[in-house]
Every structure is written in C-alpha cells, then in structure tokens.
Amino acid sequence: DSKPISLGLWDTAGQEDYDRLRPLSYPQTDVFLICFSVVSRASFENVKTKWLPEIRHHAPGVPFILVGTKLDLREDEETLEKLREKKMQPITTEQ
C-alpha cells in the first residue's frame, strides 16, 4: 500500500547474566526473530527450552520467526567432520 514502515532490530544478549534485563526490551514488540545455528544442537534446543518460554511469558501472543543461521556450514567438510566425531549432524528444515 506504499506506506513507509519503520524497522528497529534489537540483538539482545543471551547469557544468563542478562536474563533479568532482556525482557525490558520486549514491550511494544511486534514480532520476534529467534535465531539458532544449524550446526549447534544446543543452540537449537535453546529455542524450545529458553527462548520460546521466555517470549511467551513476557510477550504472550506476539508472533515469532524462527531463523536458522550458518547454513553455509552444512556443506563445510571441517564442520561436518567435527559433528560426525560427536555423532551429530546439522539441524534439518524438518526438525
């Protein structure tokens, strides 16, 4: 509809030290981008165990977009070898 929009992005700290401060940036949020590394199982698990519960508690009803990062490492032999050594593999789109 040709209306200009304003986009503001805040990259909040994920460390536990900031757990009490981070929600202060949540009021008036229209959508959350929850990012995780596709080559880190822990990063992906944190979506379910930390980030979703936190935003649902502090900003109920606000939608989120799940963003997988480091997609290029899905084909990086060094990264794949490190994952294989740990009997792991990159996160898939189906997961």
Protein backbone atom coordinates (compact mmCIF):
# COMPACT_ATOMS: atom_id res chain seq x y z
CA ASP A 1 0.00 0.00 0.00
CA SER A 2 3.08 2.26 -0.42
CA LYS A 3 3.16 3.29 3.24
CA PRO A 4 6.61 3.67 4.74
CA ILE A 5 7.35 1.47 7.72
CA SER A 6 9.92 1.70 10.46
CA LEU A 7 12.02 -1.33 11.32
CA GLY A 8 14.03 -1.48 14.51
CA LEU A 9 16.09 -4.53 15.42
CA TRP A 10 17.50 -5.31 18.86
CA ASP A 11 20.08 -8.04 19.30
CA THR A 12 19.64 -9.00 22.94
CA ALA A 13 22.27 -10.81 24.96
CA GLY A 14 21.55 -14.48 25.52
CA GLN A 15 23.79 -15.02 28.52
CA GLU A 16 22.19 -15.83 31.86
CA ASP A 17 23.66 -12.64 33.33
CA TYR A 18 21.15 -10.70 31.21
CA ASP A 19 18.05 -12.79 31.96
CA ARG A 20 16.52 -10.04 34.11
CA LEU A 21 17.41 -7.16 31.80
CA ARG A 22 16.49 -8.71 28.45
CA PRO A 23 12.69 -8.66 28.96
CA LEU A 24 12.85 -4.88 29.43
CA SER A 25 13.34 -4.64 25.67
CA TYR A 26 10.20 -6.70 24.89
CA PRO A 27 7.33 -4.21 25.38
CA GLN A 28 5.78 -2.99 22.13
CA THR A 29 7.49 -5.76 20.15
CA ASP A 30 5.50 -6.69 17.04
CA VAL A 31 7.46 -9.82 16.10
CA PHE A 32 10.47 -11.72 17.44
CA LEU A 33 13.24 -13.22 15.32
CA ILE A 34 14.56 -16.27 17.16
CA CYS A 35 17.90 -17.29 15.67
CA PHE A 36 19.81 -20.52 16.11
CA SER A 37 22.84 -22.13 14.49
CA VAL A 38 22.01 -25.08 12.24
CA VAL A 39 25.29 -26.71 13.29
CA SER A 40 24.66 -26.46 17.04
CA ARG A 41 22.20 -28.83 18.70
CA ALA A 42 22.44 -26.76 21.92
CA SER A 43 21.53 -23.58 20.05
CA PHE A 44 18.51 -25.30 18.51
CA GLU A 45 17.41 -26.83 21.84
CA ASN A 46 17.59 -23.38 23.46
CA VAL A 47 14.78 -22.28 21.15
CA LYS A 48 12.43 -24.73 22.91
CA THR A 49 13.84 -24.59 26.42
CA LYS A 50 14.73 -20.91 26.78
CA TRP A 51 13.59 -18.51 24.07
CA LEU A 52 10.02 -19.65 23.39
CA PRO A 53 9.11 -19.91 27.08
CA GLU A 54 10.67 -16.50 27.74
CA ILE A 55 8.86 -14.63 24.98
CA ARG A 56 5.58 -16.43 25.65
CA HIS A 57 5.83 -15.38 29.30
CA HIS A 58 6.85 -11.75 28.74
CA ALA A 59 5.07 -11.11 25.42
CA PRO A 60 2.16 -13.55 25.10
CA GLY A 61 0.60 -13.65 21.67
CA VAL A 62 3.46 -11.89 19.90
CA PRO A 63 4.45 -13.91 16.81
CA PHE A 64 7.97 -15.13 16.15
CA ILE A 65 10.01 -16.10 13.11
CA LEU A 66 12.50 -18.94 13.54
CA VAL A 67 15.76 -18.22 11.70
CA GLY A 68 18.46 -20.82 11.09
CA THR A 69 21.93 -19.28 10.79
CA LYS A 70 25.26 -20.60 9.48
CA LEU A 71 23.59 -22.52 6.65
CA ASP A 72 26.85 -22.41 4.71
CA LEU A 73 28.41 -24.73 7.32
CA ARG A 74 26.00 -27.52 6.37
CA GLU A 75 28.34 -28.19 3.45
CA ASP A 76 31.63 -27.34 5.18
CA GLU A 77 33.69 -30.55 5.43
CA GLU A 78 35.59 -29.44 8.53
CA THR A 79 32.36 -28.63 10.36
CA LEU A 80 30.71 -31.84 9.21
CA GLU A 81 33.69 -33.88 10.40
CA LYS A 82 33.56 -32.25 13.85
CA LEU A 83 29.86 -33.05 14.05
CA ARG A 84 30.43 -36.66 12.93
CA GLU A 85 33.06 -37.09 15.65
CA LYS A 86 30.33 -36.23 18.16
CA LYS A 87 27.82 -38.46 16.33
CA MET A 88 25.85 -35.37 15.34
CA GLN A 89 24.65 -33.74 12.15
CA PRO A 90 23.35 -30.31 11.15
CA ILE A 91 19.78 -29.36 12.07
CA THR A 92 17.43 -30.04 9.15
CA THR A 93 14.48 -27.97 7.97
CA GLU A 94 12.18 -30.81 9.02
CA GLN A 95 13.32 -30.62 12.62
